[in-house]
Amino acid sequence: MQSELAEGPRPSTWRVFCAIAVPENVLVRVSEHVSKLRAEFPTVAASWNKDRNLHLTLKFIGHIPIERVTDVSRAASMAVEKAAKFQVQVTGAGSFPKHGPPRVLWLGIEDRSGCLGQLQERLEDACAEVGFEREARRFHPHLTLARLNRPQRAKQLGQAHKRLGFTASTTAVTDLLVLRSELNPGGSKYSEISRHPLS
């Protein structure tokens, strides 16, 4: 991280979040799912998440001073202490909000072991310990596929997304990542700040 911090002119803040990477086998299936939807609804105004940007977010920190980025990495390191690797399932397709035209399309995460929820709670505790606010909303693990920009045909797209569904795919959780998000006209660019392996 020090080499990245030292590169040339830089902004005073970074947009940071903590997440789990999505493995290649799941990315391939997600890409196939999205391709079918985009082919059926080519005119719907939607911002589709690029495959390589797909992560399971555990905590969004937001814009923070660069000198505080190391605190996020320290919290992530604390969160994975004595945490063993585990598995979750990517399964099911839905949208937010529950009522009215959908604004977000997502794939669900099934945490049968409860280990994902425990890791997220430990991360919240560790972040609070180093001075970051706790998330007020209940943790609802999901993968965001798209954000719908206008209501035209959004309902039909949401219905097709749910109808198409997503057959359960098991994924191993082996690392907790601290990532930087840079917002660009062409979409968000993510870069890894630090990686924290589970035991």
N, C-alpha and C. Protein backbone atom coordinates (compact mmCIF):
# COMPACT_ATOMS: atom_id res chain seq x y z
N MET A 1 0.82 -1.21 0.00
CA MET A 1 0.00 0.00 0.00
C MET A 1 0.86 1.26 0.00
N GLN A 2 2.04 1.20 0.64
CA GLN A 2 2.88 2.38 0.72
C GLN A 2 3.31 2.85 -0.66
N SER A 3 3.62 1.90 -1.57
CA SER A 3 4.04 2.28 -2.91
C SER A 3 2.90 2.98 -3.64
N GLU A 4 1.65 2.50 -3.43
CA GLU A 4 0.50 3.11 -4.09
C GLU A 4 0.26 4.51 -3.53
N LEU A 5 0.46 4.68 -2.23
CA LEU A 5 0.27 6.00 -1.63
C LEU A 5 1.29 7.00 -2.14
N ALA A 6 2.47 6.51 -2.52
CA ALA A 6 3.56 7.41 -2.88
C ALA A 6 3.53 7.84 -4.34
N GLU A 7 2.63 7.27 -5.15
CA GLU A 7 2.62 7.56 -6.58
C GLU A 7 2.05 8.93 -6.88
N GLY A 8 2.86 9.83 -7.37
CA GLY A 8 2.46 11.10 -7.96
C GLY A 8 1.46 11.90 -7.15
N PRO A 9 0.79 12.89 -7.82
CA PRO A 9 -0.22 13.70 -7.17
C PRO A 9 -1.41 12.84 -6.78
N ARG A 10 -2.02 13.17 -5.68
CA ARG A 10 -3.11 12.33 -5.18
C ARG A 10 -4.20 13.18 -4.54
N PRO A 11 -5.42 12.65 -4.49
CA PRO A 11 -6.50 13.36 -3.80
C PRO A 11 -6.28 13.29 -2.30
N SER A 12 -7.00 14.10 -1.55
CA SER A 12 -6.84 14.12 -0.09
C SER A 12 -7.64 13.01 0.58
N THR A 13 -8.61 12.44 -0.14
CA THR A 13 -9.42 11.36 0.41
C THR A 13 -9.51 10.20 -0.57
N TRP A 14 -9.77 9.02 -0.04
CA TRP A 14 -10.04 7.84 -0.84
C TRP A 14 -11.40 7.29 -0.46
N ARG A 15 -12.08 6.71 -1.43
CA ARG A 15 -13.36 6.03 -1.21
C ARG A 15 -13.06 4.55 -0.98
N VAL A 16 -13.36 4.06 0.22
CA VAL A 16 -12.86 2.75 0.65
C VAL A 16 -14.00 1.86 1.13
N PHE A 17 -13.86 0.55 0.88
CA PHE A 17 -14.81 -0.41 1.42
C PHE A 17 -14.12 -1.75 1.65
N CYS A 18 -14.76 -2.61 2.44
CA CYS A 18 -14.23 -3.93 2.75
C CYS A 18 -15.14 -4.97 2.11
N ALA A 19 -14.54 -5.98 1.47
CA ALA A 19 -15.34 -6.91 0.69
C ALA A 19 -14.67 -8.27 0.56
N ILE A 20 -15.42 -9.19 -0.02
CA ILE A 20 -14.92 -10.53 -0.34
C ILE A 20 -14.97 -10.68 -1.85
N ALA A 21 -13.91 -11.23 -2.43
CA ALA A 21 -13.84 -11.40 -3.88
C ALA A 21 -14.78 -12.52 -4.33
N VAL A 22 -15.28 -12.39 -5.55
CA VAL A 22 -16.13 -13.43 -6.15
C VAL A 22 -15.25 -14.28 -7.06
N PRO A 23 -15.25 -15.61 -6.90
CA PRO A 23 -14.36 -16.46 -7.69
C PRO A 23 -14.75 -16.52 -9.17
N GLU A 24 -13.81 -16.94 -9.99
CA GLU A 24 -13.98 -16.95 -11.43
C GLU A 24 -15.18 -17.76 -11.89
N ASN A 25 -15.41 -18.94 -11.29
CA ASN A 25 -16.52 -19.79 -11.74
C ASN A 25 -17.87 -19.10 -11.56
N VAL A 26 -17.99 -18.31 -10.49
CA VAL A 26 -19.24 -17.57 -10.26
C VAL A 26 -19.32 -16.39 -11.22
N LEU A 27 -18.20 -15.70 -11.47
CA LEU A 27 -18.20 -14.57 -12.38
C LEU A 27 -18.66 -14.98 -13.78
N VAL A 28 -18.24 -16.16 -14.22
CA VAL A 28 -18.63 -16.65 -15.55
C VAL A 28 -20.14 -16.82 -15.62
N ARG A 29 -20.73 -17.41 -14.58
CA ARG A 29 -22.18 -17.63 -14.57
C ARG A 29 -22.94 -16.32 -14.44
N VAL A 30 -22.41 -15.40 -13.67
CA VAL A 30 -23.05 -14.08 -13.55
C VAL A 30 -23.03 -13.37 -14.91
N SER A 31 -21.90 -13.46 -15.61
CA SER A 31 -21.78 -12.83 -16.93
C SER A 31 -22.81 -13.39 -17.90
N GLU A 32 -23.03 -14.69 -17.86
CA GLU A 32 -24.03 -15.33 -18.73
C GLU A 32 -25.43 -14.83 -18.38
N HIS A 33 -25.70 -14.72 -17.10
CA HIS A 33 -27.01 -14.23 -16.62
C HIS A 33 -27.26 -12.80 -17.11
N VAL A 34 -26.26 -11.95 -16.94
CA VAL A 34 -26.39 -10.55 -17.34
C VAL A 34 -26.53 -10.43 -18.86
N SER A 35 -25.78 -11.22 -19.61
CA SER A 35 -25.85 -11.17 -21.08
C SER A 35 -27.25 -11.47 -21.58
N LYS A 36 -27.92 -12.44 -20.96
CA LYS A 36 -29.28 -12.78 -21.35
C LYS A 36 -30.23 -11.61 -21.10
N LEU A 37 -30.08 -10.97 -19.94
CA LEU A 37 -30.95 -9.84 -19.60
C LEU A 37 -30.70 -8.65 -20.52
N ARG A 38 -29.45 -8.36 -20.80
CA ARG A 38 -29.13 -7.21 -21.65
C ARG A 38 -29.59 -7.43 -23.09
N ALA A 39 -29.55 -8.69 -23.53
CA ALA A 39 -30.01 -9.00 -24.89
C ALA A 39 -31.52 -8.84 -25.00
N GLU A 40 -32.23 -9.17 -23.93
CA GLU A 40 -33.70 -9.07 -23.94
C GLU A 40 -34.18 -7.65 -23.71
N PHE A 41 -33.39 -6.86 -22.97
CA PHE A 41 -33.80 -5.48 -22.65
C PHE A 41 -32.68 -4.49 -23.01
N PRO A 42 -32.36 -4.36 -24.29
CA PRO A 42 -31.22 -3.52 -24.68
C PRO A 42 -31.44 -2.02 -24.47
N THR A 43 -32.70 -1.60 -24.36
CA THR A 43 -32.97 -0.16 -24.27
C THR A 43 -33.19 0.33 -22.85
N VAL A 44 -33.23 -0.58 -21.88
CA VAL A 44 -33.45 -0.16 -20.49
C VAL A 44 -32.20 0.57 -19.98
N ALA A 45 -32.42 1.74 -19.38
CA ALA A 45 -31.30 2.54 -18.86
C ALA A 45 -30.81 1.92 -17.56
N ALA A 46 -29.70 1.21 -17.64
CA ALA A 46 -29.15 0.53 -16.46
C ALA A 46 -27.64 0.65 -16.44
N SER A 47 -27.09 0.79 -15.24
CA SER A 47 -25.64 0.76 -15.05
C SER A 47 -25.28 -0.63 -14.56
N TRP A 48 -24.73 -1.45 -15.46
CA TRP A 48 -24.40 -2.84 -15.12
C TRP A 48 -23.02 -2.91 -14.50
N ASN A 49 -22.92 -3.67 -13.43
CA ASN A 49 -21.64 -3.86 -12.76
C ASN A 49 -20.73 -4.70 -13.65
N LYS A 50 -19.53 -4.23 -13.88
CA LYS A 50 -18.58 -5.02 -14.65
C LYS A 50 -18.19 -6.27 -13.86
N ASP A 51 -17.96 -7.37 -14.59
CA ASP A 51 -17.65 -8.65 -13.93
C ASP A 51 -16.51 -8.50 -12.92
N ARG A 52 -15.46 -7.81 -13.31
CA ARG A 52 -14.28 -7.71 -12.45
C ARG A 52 -14.50 -6.77 -11.27
N ASN A 53 -15.61 -6.06 -11.27
CA ASN A 53 -15.93 -5.16 -10.16
C ASN A 53 -16.89 -5.81 -9.16
N LEU A 54 -17.25 -7.05 -9.41
CA LEU A 54 -18.24 -7.71 -8.57
C LEU A 54 -17.59 -8.21 -7.27
N HIS A 55 -18.06 -7.68 -6.16
CA HIS A 55 -17.56 -8.07 -4.84
C HIS A 55 -18.72 -8.18 -3.87
N LEU A 56 -18.55 -8.99 -2.85
CA LEU A 56 -19.52 -9.08 -1.77
C LEU A 56 -19.09 -8.09 -0.69
N THR A 57 -19.75 -6.96 -0.64
CA THR A 57 -19.37 -5.90 0.29
C THR A 57 -19.81 -6.24 1.71
N LEU A 58 -18.85 -6.17 2.65
CA LEU A 58 -19.16 -6.38 4.06
C LEU A 58 -19.33 -5.06 4.80
N LYS A 59 -18.55 -4.06 4.41
CA LYS A 59 -18.69 -2.74 5.03
C LYS A 59 -18.21 -1.66 4.08
N PHE A 60 -19.08 -0.69 3.81
CA PHE A 60 -18.71 0.47 3.00
C PHE A 60 -18.29 1.59 3.94
N ILE A 61 -17.05 2.02 3.81
CA ILE A 61 -16.51 3.07 4.69
C ILE A 61 -16.82 4.45 4.11
N GLY A 62 -16.64 4.61 2.79
CA GLY A 62 -16.86 5.90 2.15
C GLY A 62 -15.57 6.69 2.02
N HIS A 63 -15.69 7.98 1.76
CA HIS A 63 -14.52 8.85 1.59
C HIS A 63 -13.88 9.14 2.95
N ILE A 64 -12.60 8.83 3.04
CA ILE A 64 -11.86 9.08 4.28
C ILE A 64 -10.51 9.69 3.93
N PRO A 65 -9.91 10.44 4.84
CA PRO A 65 -8.55 10.97 4.59
C PRO A 65 -7.58 9.82 4.32
N ILE A 66 -6.66 10.03 3.42
CA ILE A 66 -5.72 8.97 3.04
C ILE A 66 -4.97 8.43 4.25
N GLU A 67 -4.64 9.29 5.19
CA GLU A 67 -3.87 8.83 6.35
C GLU A 67 -4.67 7.87 7.23
N ARG A 68 -5.99 7.77 7.01
CA ARG A 68 -6.82 6.87 7.80
C ARG A 68 -7.02 5.51 7.12
N VAL A 69 -6.53 5.36 5.89
CA VAL A 69 -6.71 4.11 5.16
C VAL A 69 -6.05 2.95 5.91
N THR A 70 -4.89 3.20 6.51
CA THR A 70 -4.21 2.15 7.26
C THR A 70 -5.05 1.67 8.45
N ASP A 71 -5.90 2.55 8.99
CA ASP A 71 -6.79 2.15 10.09
C ASP A 71 -7.81 1.11 9.62
N VAL A 72 -8.29 1.27 8.38
CA VAL A 72 -9.24 0.30 7.83
C VAL A 72 -8.56 -1.05 7.68
N SER A 73 -7.33 -1.05 7.16
CA SER A 73 -6.59 -2.30 7.01
C SER A 73 -6.32 -2.94 8.37
N ARG A 74 -6.05 -2.12 9.37
CA ARG A 74 -5.81 -2.65 10.71
C ARG A 74 -7.09 -3.30 11.26
N ALA A 75 -8.23 -2.68 11.00
CA ALA A 75 -9.50 -3.24 11.45
C ALA A 75 -9.79 -4.57 10.74
N ALA A 76 -9.50 -4.62 9.45
CA ALA A 76 -9.72 -5.86 8.69
C ALA A 76 -8.84 -6.98 9.22
N SER A 77 -7.61 -6.63 9.56
CA SER A 77 -6.69 -7.62 10.12
C SER A 77 -7.20 -8.14 11.46
N MET A 78 -7.75 -7.26 12.27
CA MET A 78 -8.31 -7.66 13.56
C MET A 78 -9.53 -8.56 13.35
N ALA A 79 -10.33 -8.26 12.33
CA ALA A 79 -11.57 -9.00 12.09
C ALA A 79 -11.33 -10.46 11.71
N VAL A 80 -10.22 -10.72 11.00
CA VAL A 80 -9.97 -12.10 10.53
C VAL A 80 -9.18 -12.94 11.53
N GLU A 81 -8.76 -12.35 12.65
CA GLU A 81 -8.02 -13.12 13.65
C GLU A 81 -8.87 -14.30 14.13
N LYS A 82 -8.30 -15.48 14.05
CA LYS A 82 -8.95 -16.73 14.49
C LYS A 82 -10.22 -17.06 13.68
N ALA A 83 -10.39 -16.43 12.54
CA ALA A 83 -11.54 -16.73 11.68
C ALA A 83 -11.13 -17.75 10.63
N ALA A 84 -11.81 -18.87 10.59
CA ALA A 84 -11.48 -19.93 9.63
C ALA A 84 -12.17 -19.68 8.29
N LYS A 85 -11.60 -20.25 7.24
CA LYS A 85 -12.21 -20.18 5.92
C LYS A 85 -13.56 -20.89 5.95
N PHE A 86 -14.47 -20.43 5.11
CA PHE A 86 -15.81 -21.03 5.09
C PHE A 86 -16.40 -20.89 3.69
N GLN A 87 -17.61 -21.39 3.52
CA GLN A 87 -18.28 -21.33 2.23
C GLN A 87 -19.64 -20.67 2.35
N VAL A 88 -20.04 -19.98 1.27
CA VAL A 88 -21.39 -19.44 1.15
C VAL A 88 -21.92 -19.85 -0.22
N GLN A 89 -23.20 -19.64 -0.43
CA GLN A 89 -23.79 -19.93 -1.73
C GLN A 89 -24.36 -18.67 -2.35
N VAL A 90 -24.05 -18.46 -3.62
CA VAL A 90 -24.69 -17.41 -4.40
C VAL A 90 -25.93 -18.05 -5.00
N THR A 91 -27.10 -17.54 -4.66
CA THR A 91 -28.34 -18.17 -5.12
C THR A 91 -29.50 -17.19 -5.07
N GLY A 92 -30.42 -17.33 -6.00
CA GLY A 92 -31.61 -16.48 -6.00
C GLY A 92 -31.36 -15.14 -6.64
N ALA A 93 -32.42 -14.56 -7.20
CA ALA A 93 -32.33 -13.27 -7.87
C ALA A 93 -33.46 -12.37 -7.39
N GLY A 94 -33.15 -11.13 -7.09
CA GLY A 94 -34.17 -10.22 -6.59
C GLY A 94 -33.86 -8.78 -6.95
N SER A 95 -34.65 -7.87 -6.39
CA SER A 95 -34.46 -6.45 -6.68
C SER A 95 -34.87 -5.61 -5.47
N PHE A 96 -34.33 -4.40 -5.42
CA PHE A 96 -34.71 -3.39 -4.44
C PHE A 96 -35.37 -2.23 -5.20
N PRO A 97 -36.36 -1.55 -4.63
CA PRO A 97 -37.07 -1.89 -3.39
C PRO A 97 -38.10 -2.99 -3.64
N LYS A 98 -38.73 -3.43 -2.56
CA LYS A 98 -39.71 -4.51 -2.69
C LYS A 98 -40.93 -4.07 -3.49
N HIS A 99 -41.30 -2.80 -3.36
CA HIS A 99 -42.49 -2.28 -4.03
C HIS A 99 -42.10 -1.16 -4.99
N GLY A 100 -42.83 -1.07 -6.09
CA GLY A 100 -42.55 -0.04 -7.09
C GLY A 100 -41.49 -0.50 -8.07
N PRO A 101 -41.14 0.36 -9.03
CA PRO A 101 -40.15 -0.01 -10.04
C PRO A 101 -38.81 -0.33 -9.39
N PRO A 102 -38.16 -1.42 -9.79
CA PRO A 102 -36.87 -1.77 -9.19
C PRO A 102 -35.79 -0.77 -9.54
N ARG A 103 -34.91 -0.51 -8.59
CA ARG A 103 -33.78 0.40 -8.82
C ARG A 103 -32.45 -0.35 -8.76
N VAL A 104 -32.46 -1.53 -8.15
CA VAL A 104 -31.24 -2.35 -8.03
C VAL A 104 -31.60 -3.80 -8.29
N LEU A 105 -30.80 -4.47 -9.14
CA LEU A 105 -30.93 -5.91 -9.34
C LEU A 105 -29.81 -6.60 -8.58
N TRP A 106 -30.13 -7.69 -7.86
CA TRP A 106 -29.11 -8.34 -7.05
C TRP A 106 -29.23 -9.87 -7.10
N LEU A 107 -28.15 -10.53 -6.71
CA LEU A 107 -28.14 -11.97 -6.49
C LEU A 107 -27.96 -12.20 -4.99
N GLY A 108 -28.65 -13.18 -4.45
CA GLY A 108 -28.63 -13.41 -3.02
C GLY A 108 -27.43 -14.22 -2.56
N ILE A 109 -27.13 -14.11 -1.28
CA ILE A 109 -26.06 -14.88 -0.63
C ILE A 109 -26.66 -15.68 0.52
N GLU A 110 -26.47 -16.98 0.48
CA GLU A 110 -26.96 -17.85 1.55
C GLU A 110 -25.81 -18.22 2.48
N ASP A 111 -25.98 -17.88 3.74
CA ASP A 111 -24.93 -18.07 4.75
C ASP A 111 -25.38 -19.14 5.74
N ARG A 112 -25.37 -20.39 5.29
CA ARG A 112 -25.90 -21.47 6.12
C ARG A 112 -25.11 -21.65 7.41
N SER A 113 -23.81 -21.48 7.35
CA SER A 113 -22.97 -21.70 8.53
C SER A 113 -23.04 -20.54 9.52
N GLY A 114 -23.48 -19.39 9.05
CA GLY A 114 -23.50 -18.20 9.90
C GLY A 114 -22.14 -17.53 10.00
N CYS A 115 -21.13 -18.09 9.33
CA CYS A 115 -19.77 -17.55 9.43
C CYS A 115 -19.63 -16.18 8.76
N LEU A 116 -20.39 -15.97 7.69
CA LEU A 116 -20.32 -14.67 7.01
C LEU A 116 -20.85 -13.57 7.92
N GLY A 117 -21.98 -13.83 8.55
CA GLY A 117 -22.55 -12.85 9.47
C GLY A 117 -21.62 -12.57 10.64
N GLN A 118 -20.95 -13.61 11.14
CA GLN A 118 -20.01 -13.44 12.24
C GLN A 118 -18.81 -12.59 11.82
N LEU A 119 -18.32 -12.84 10.60
CA LEU A 119 -17.18 -12.06 10.10
C LEU A 119 -17.56 -10.60 9.94
N GLN A 120 -18.76 -10.38 9.43
CA GLN A 120 -19.21 -9.00 9.24
C GLN A 120 -19.36 -8.28 10.58
N GLU A 121 -19.86 -8.99 11.59
CA GLU A 121 -19.99 -8.40 12.93
C GLU A 121 -18.63 -8.07 13.52
N ARG A 122 -17.67 -8.99 13.34
CA ARG A 122 -16.31 -8.73 13.85
C ARG A 122 -15.70 -7.53 13.15
N LEU A 123 -15.98 -7.40 11.85
CA LEU A 123 -15.47 -6.25 11.10
C LEU A 123 -16.08 -4.95 11.60
N GLU A 124 -17.38 -4.98 11.86
CA GLU A 124 -18.05 -3.78 12.42
C GLU A 124 -17.43 -3.40 13.76
N ASP A 125 -17.19 -4.40 14.62
CA ASP A 125 -16.60 -4.15 15.93
C ASP A 125 -15.20 -3.56 15.79
N ALA A 126 -14.40 -4.15 14.89
CA ALA A 126 -13.02 -3.69 14.72
C ALA A 126 -12.98 -2.28 14.14
N CYS A 127 -13.87 -2.00 13.19
CA CYS A 127 -13.91 -0.65 12.61
C CYS A 127 -14.33 0.38 13.65
N ALA A 128 -15.28 0.01 14.50
CA ALA A 128 -15.71 0.91 15.57
C ALA A 128 -14.56 1.17 16.54
N GLU A 129 -13.75 0.13 16.77
CA GLU A 129 -12.62 0.26 17.69
C GLU A 129 -11.58 1.26 17.20
N VAL A 130 -11.44 1.37 15.87
CA VAL A 130 -10.46 2.32 15.32
C VAL A 130 -11.10 3.64 14.91
N GLY A 131 -12.39 3.81 15.23
CA GLY A 131 -13.01 5.11 15.07
C GLY A 131 -13.96 5.31 13.92
N PHE A 132 -14.42 4.23 13.27
CA PHE A 132 -15.38 4.37 12.18
C PHE A 132 -16.78 4.01 12.67
N GLU A 133 -17.78 4.72 12.16
CA GLU A 133 -19.16 4.52 12.62
C GLU A 133 -19.69 3.15 12.20
N ARG A 134 -20.53 2.59 13.05
CA ARG A 134 -21.20 1.34 12.73
C ARG A 134 -22.28 1.57 11.68
N GLU A 135 -22.53 0.56 10.86
CA GLU A 135 -23.61 0.63 9.88
C GLU A 135 -24.94 0.48 10.61
N ALA A 136 -25.84 1.42 10.38
CA ALA A 136 -27.13 1.41 11.08
C ALA A 136 -28.07 0.34 10.51
N ARG A 137 -27.95 0.07 9.21
CA ARG A 137 -28.85 -0.90 8.58
C ARG A 137 -28.40 -2.33 8.85
N ARG A 138 -29.36 -3.22 8.87
CA ARG A 138 -29.08 -4.64 9.06
C ARG A 138 -28.30 -5.17 7.85
N PHE A 139 -27.33 -6.02 8.10
CA PHE A 139 -26.51 -6.60 7.03
C PHE A 139 -27.35 -7.53 6.17
N HIS A 140 -27.39 -7.24 4.88
CA HIS A 140 -28.13 -8.06 3.92
C HIS A 140 -27.17 -8.41 2.79
N PRO A 141 -26.45 -9.53 2.90
CA PRO A 141 -25.43 -9.85 1.91
C PRO A 141 -26.01 -10.13 0.52
N HIS A 142 -25.44 -9.49 -0.49
CA HIS A 142 -25.90 -9.66 -1.86
C HIS A 142 -24.84 -9.16 -2.83
N LEU A 143 -24.98 -9.54 -4.08
CA LEU A 143 -24.13 -9.04 -5.15
C LEU A 143 -24.97 -8.12 -6.02
N THR A 144 -24.57 -6.87 -6.16
CA THR A 144 -25.31 -5.91 -6.98
C THR A 144 -24.93 -6.09 -8.44
N LEU A 145 -25.92 -6.41 -9.27
CA LEU A 145 -25.67 -6.60 -10.70
C LEU A 145 -25.86 -5.31 -11.49
N ALA A 146 -26.88 -4.54 -11.12
CA ALA A 146 -27.18 -3.34 -11.91
C ALA A 146 -27.96 -2.34 -11.08
N ARG A 147 -27.78 -1.07 -11.45
CA ARG A 147 -28.60 0.00 -10.90
C ARG A 147 -29.40 0.58 -12.07
N LEU A 148 -30.72 0.64 -11.89
CA LEU A 148 -31.60 1.07 -12.97
C LEU A 148 -31.82 2.58 -12.86
N ASN A 149 -31.52 3.27 -13.94
CA ASN A 149 -31.50 4.74 -13.91
C ASN A 149 -32.85 5.38 -14.19
N ARG A 150 -33.73 4.67 -14.92
CA ARG A 150 -35.05 5.22 -15.22
C ARG A 150 -36.10 4.11 -15.08
N PRO A 151 -37.35 4.49 -14.81
CA PRO A 151 -38.37 3.46 -14.57
C PRO A 151 -38.88 2.76 -15.84
N GLN A 152 -38.63 3.33 -17.02
CA GLN A 152 -39.14 2.74 -18.24
C GLN A 152 -38.65 1.29 -18.41
N ARG A 153 -39.61 0.36 -18.42
CA ARG A 153 -39.38 -1.08 -18.58
C ARG A 153 -38.55 -1.70 -17.45
N ALA A 154 -38.32 -0.93 -16.40
CA ALA A 154 -37.54 -1.46 -15.26
C ALA A 154 -38.28 -2.61 -14.60
N LYS A 155 -39.62 -2.50 -14.50
CA LYS A 155 -40.40 -3.55 -13.87
C LYS A 155 -40.27 -4.86 -14.65
N GLN A 156 -40.35 -4.76 -15.98
CA GLN A 156 -40.24 -5.95 -16.82
C GLN A 156 -38.87 -6.59 -16.71
N LEU A 157 -37.83 -5.75 -16.65
CA LEU A 157 -36.46 -6.26 -16.49
C LEU A 157 -36.32 -6.97 -15.15
N GLY A 158 -36.86 -6.36 -14.10
CA GLY A 158 -36.79 -6.98 -12.78
C GLY A 158 -37.50 -8.32 -12.74
N GLN A 159 -38.64 -8.39 -13.40
CA GLN A 159 -39.39 -9.65 -13.44
C GLN A 159 -38.61 -10.72 -14.20
N ALA A 160 -37.98 -10.34 -15.33
CA ALA A 160 -37.19 -11.29 -16.10
C ALA A 160 -35.99 -11.79 -15.31
N HIS A 161 -35.38 -10.88 -14.56
CA HIS A 161 -34.24 -11.23 -13.70
C HIS A 161 -34.64 -12.28 -12.67
N LYS A 162 -35.78 -12.09 -12.04
CA LYS A 162 -36.26 -13.05 -11.03
C LYS A 162 -36.69 -14.37 -11.68
N ARG A 163 -37.33 -14.26 -12.84
CA ARG A 163 -37.79 -15.46 -13.53
C ARG A 163 -36.60 -16.31 -13.99
N LEU A 164 -35.57 -15.64 -14.47
CA LEU A 164 -34.37 -16.36 -14.91
C LEU A 164 -33.69 -17.05 -13.74
N GLY A 165 -33.70 -16.38 -12.58
CA GLY A 165 -33.13 -16.96 -11.36
C GLY A 165 -31.64 -17.19 -11.45
N PHE A 166 -31.10 -17.78 -10.40
CA PHE A 166 -29.67 -18.08 -10.36
C PHE A 166 -29.48 -19.33 -9.52
N THR A 167 -29.16 -20.45 -10.18
CA THR A 167 -28.98 -21.71 -9.49
C THR A 167 -27.82 -21.61 -8.51
N ALA A 168 -27.99 -22.17 -7.34
CA ALA A 168 -27.00 -22.07 -6.27
C ALA A 168 -25.60 -22.43 -6.74
N SER A 169 -24.64 -21.59 -6.38
CA SER A 169 -23.24 -21.82 -6.71
C SER A 169 -22.41 -21.59 -5.45
N THR A 170 -21.69 -22.62 -5.02
CA THR A 170 -20.90 -22.52 -3.79
C THR A 170 -19.60 -21.78 -4.04
N THR A 171 -19.25 -20.89 -3.12
CA THR A 171 -18.00 -20.16 -3.23
C THR A 171 -17.28 -20.16 -1.89
N ALA A 172 -15.98 -20.32 -1.93
CA ALA A 172 -15.16 -20.33 -0.72
C ALA A 172 -14.76 -18.91 -0.34
N VAL A 173 -14.85 -18.60 0.93
CA VAL A 173 -14.42 -17.30 1.45
C VAL A 173 -13.07 -17.51 2.12
N THR A 174 -12.02 -16.98 1.51
CA THR A 174 -10.66 -17.22 2.00
C THR A 174 -9.94 -15.95 2.43
N ASP A 175 -10.40 -14.78 1.95
CA ASP A 175 -9.71 -13.52 2.25
C ASP A 175 -10.72 -12.40 2.44
N LEU A 176 -10.35 -11.45 3.27
CA LEU A 176 -11.09 -10.20 3.41
C LEU A 176 -10.24 -9.11 2.76
N LEU A 177 -10.85 -8.36 1.84
CA LEU A 177 -10.12 -7.34 1.10
C LEU A 177 -10.53 -5.94 1.55
N VAL A 178 -9.54 -5.04 1.54
CA VAL A 178 -9.81 -3.61 1.67
C VAL A 178 -9.56 -3.01 0.29
N LEU A 179 -10.59 -2.37 -0.28
CA LEU A 179 -10.53 -1.90 -1.66
C LEU A 179 -10.77 -0.40 -1.75
N ARG A 180 -10.16 0.18 -2.77
CA ARG A 180 -10.41 1.58 -3.10
C ARG A 180 -11.31 1.64 -4.33
N SER A 181 -12.29 2.51 -4.30
CA SER A 181 -13.21 2.70 -5.41
C SER A 181 -13.02 4.10 -5.97
N GLU A 182 -12.72 4.18 -7.27
CA GLU A 182 -12.58 5.47 -7.95
C GLU A 182 -13.72 5.61 -8.95
N LEU A 183 -14.51 6.66 -8.80
CA LEU A 183 -15.66 6.88 -9.67
C LEU A 183 -15.23 7.62 -10.93
N ASN A 184 -15.45 6.97 -12.07
CA ASN A 184 -15.09 7.55 -13.36
C ASN A 184 -16.31 7.57 -14.27
N PRO A 185 -16.28 8.40 -15.34
CA PRO A 185 -17.42 8.43 -16.27
C PRO A 185 -17.74 7.06 -16.86
N GLY A 186 -16.73 6.21 -17.04
CA GLY A 186 -16.94 4.89 -17.61
C GLY A 186 -17.32 3.84 -16.59
N GLY A 187 -17.47 4.24 -15.33
CA GLY A 187 -17.80 3.29 -14.26
C GLY A 187 -16.74 3.30 -13.18
N SER A 188 -16.99 2.56 -12.12
CA SER A 188 -16.06 2.53 -10.99
C SER A 188 -14.84 1.67 -11.31
N LYS A 189 -13.70 2.11 -10.78
CA LYS A 189 -12.47 1.34 -10.88
C LYS A 189 -12.06 0.95 -9.47
N TYR A 190 -11.84 -0.35 -9.26
CA TYR A 190 -11.48 -0.85 -7.94
C TYR A 190 -10.01 -1.28 -7.92
N SER A 191 -9.34 -0.97 -6.83
CA SER A 191 -7.95 -1.41 -6.65
C SER A 191 -7.78 -1.92 -5.23
N GLU A 192 -6.98 -2.97 -5.09
CA GLU A 192 -6.78 -3.60 -3.80
C GLU A 192 -5.78 -2.82 -2.95
N ILE A 193 -6.18 -2.49 -1.74
CA ILE A 193 -5.30 -1.81 -0.79
C ILE A 193 -4.58 -2.84 0.07
N SER A 194 -5.34 -3.78 0.62
CA SER A 194 -4.73 -4.83 1.43
C SER A 194 -5.61 -6.07 1.41
N ARG A 195 -4.96 -7.22 1.66
CA ARG A 195 -5.64 -8.51 1.66
C ARG A 195 -5.35 -9.21 2.98
N HIS A 196 -6.40 -9.78 3.58
CA HIS A 196 -6.27 -10.37 4.91
C HIS A 196 -6.82 -11.80 4.89
N PRO A 197 -5.93 -12.79 4.81
CA PRO A 197 -6.36 -14.19 4.70
C PRO A 197 -7.01 -14.70 5.99
N LEU A 198 -8.05 -15.52 5.82
CA LEU A 198 -8.63 -16.23 6.94
C LEU A 198 -7.76 -17.46 7.21
N SER A 199 -7.75 -17.92 8.43
CA SER A 199 -6.85 -19.02 8.80
C SER A 199 -7.33 -20.32 8.18
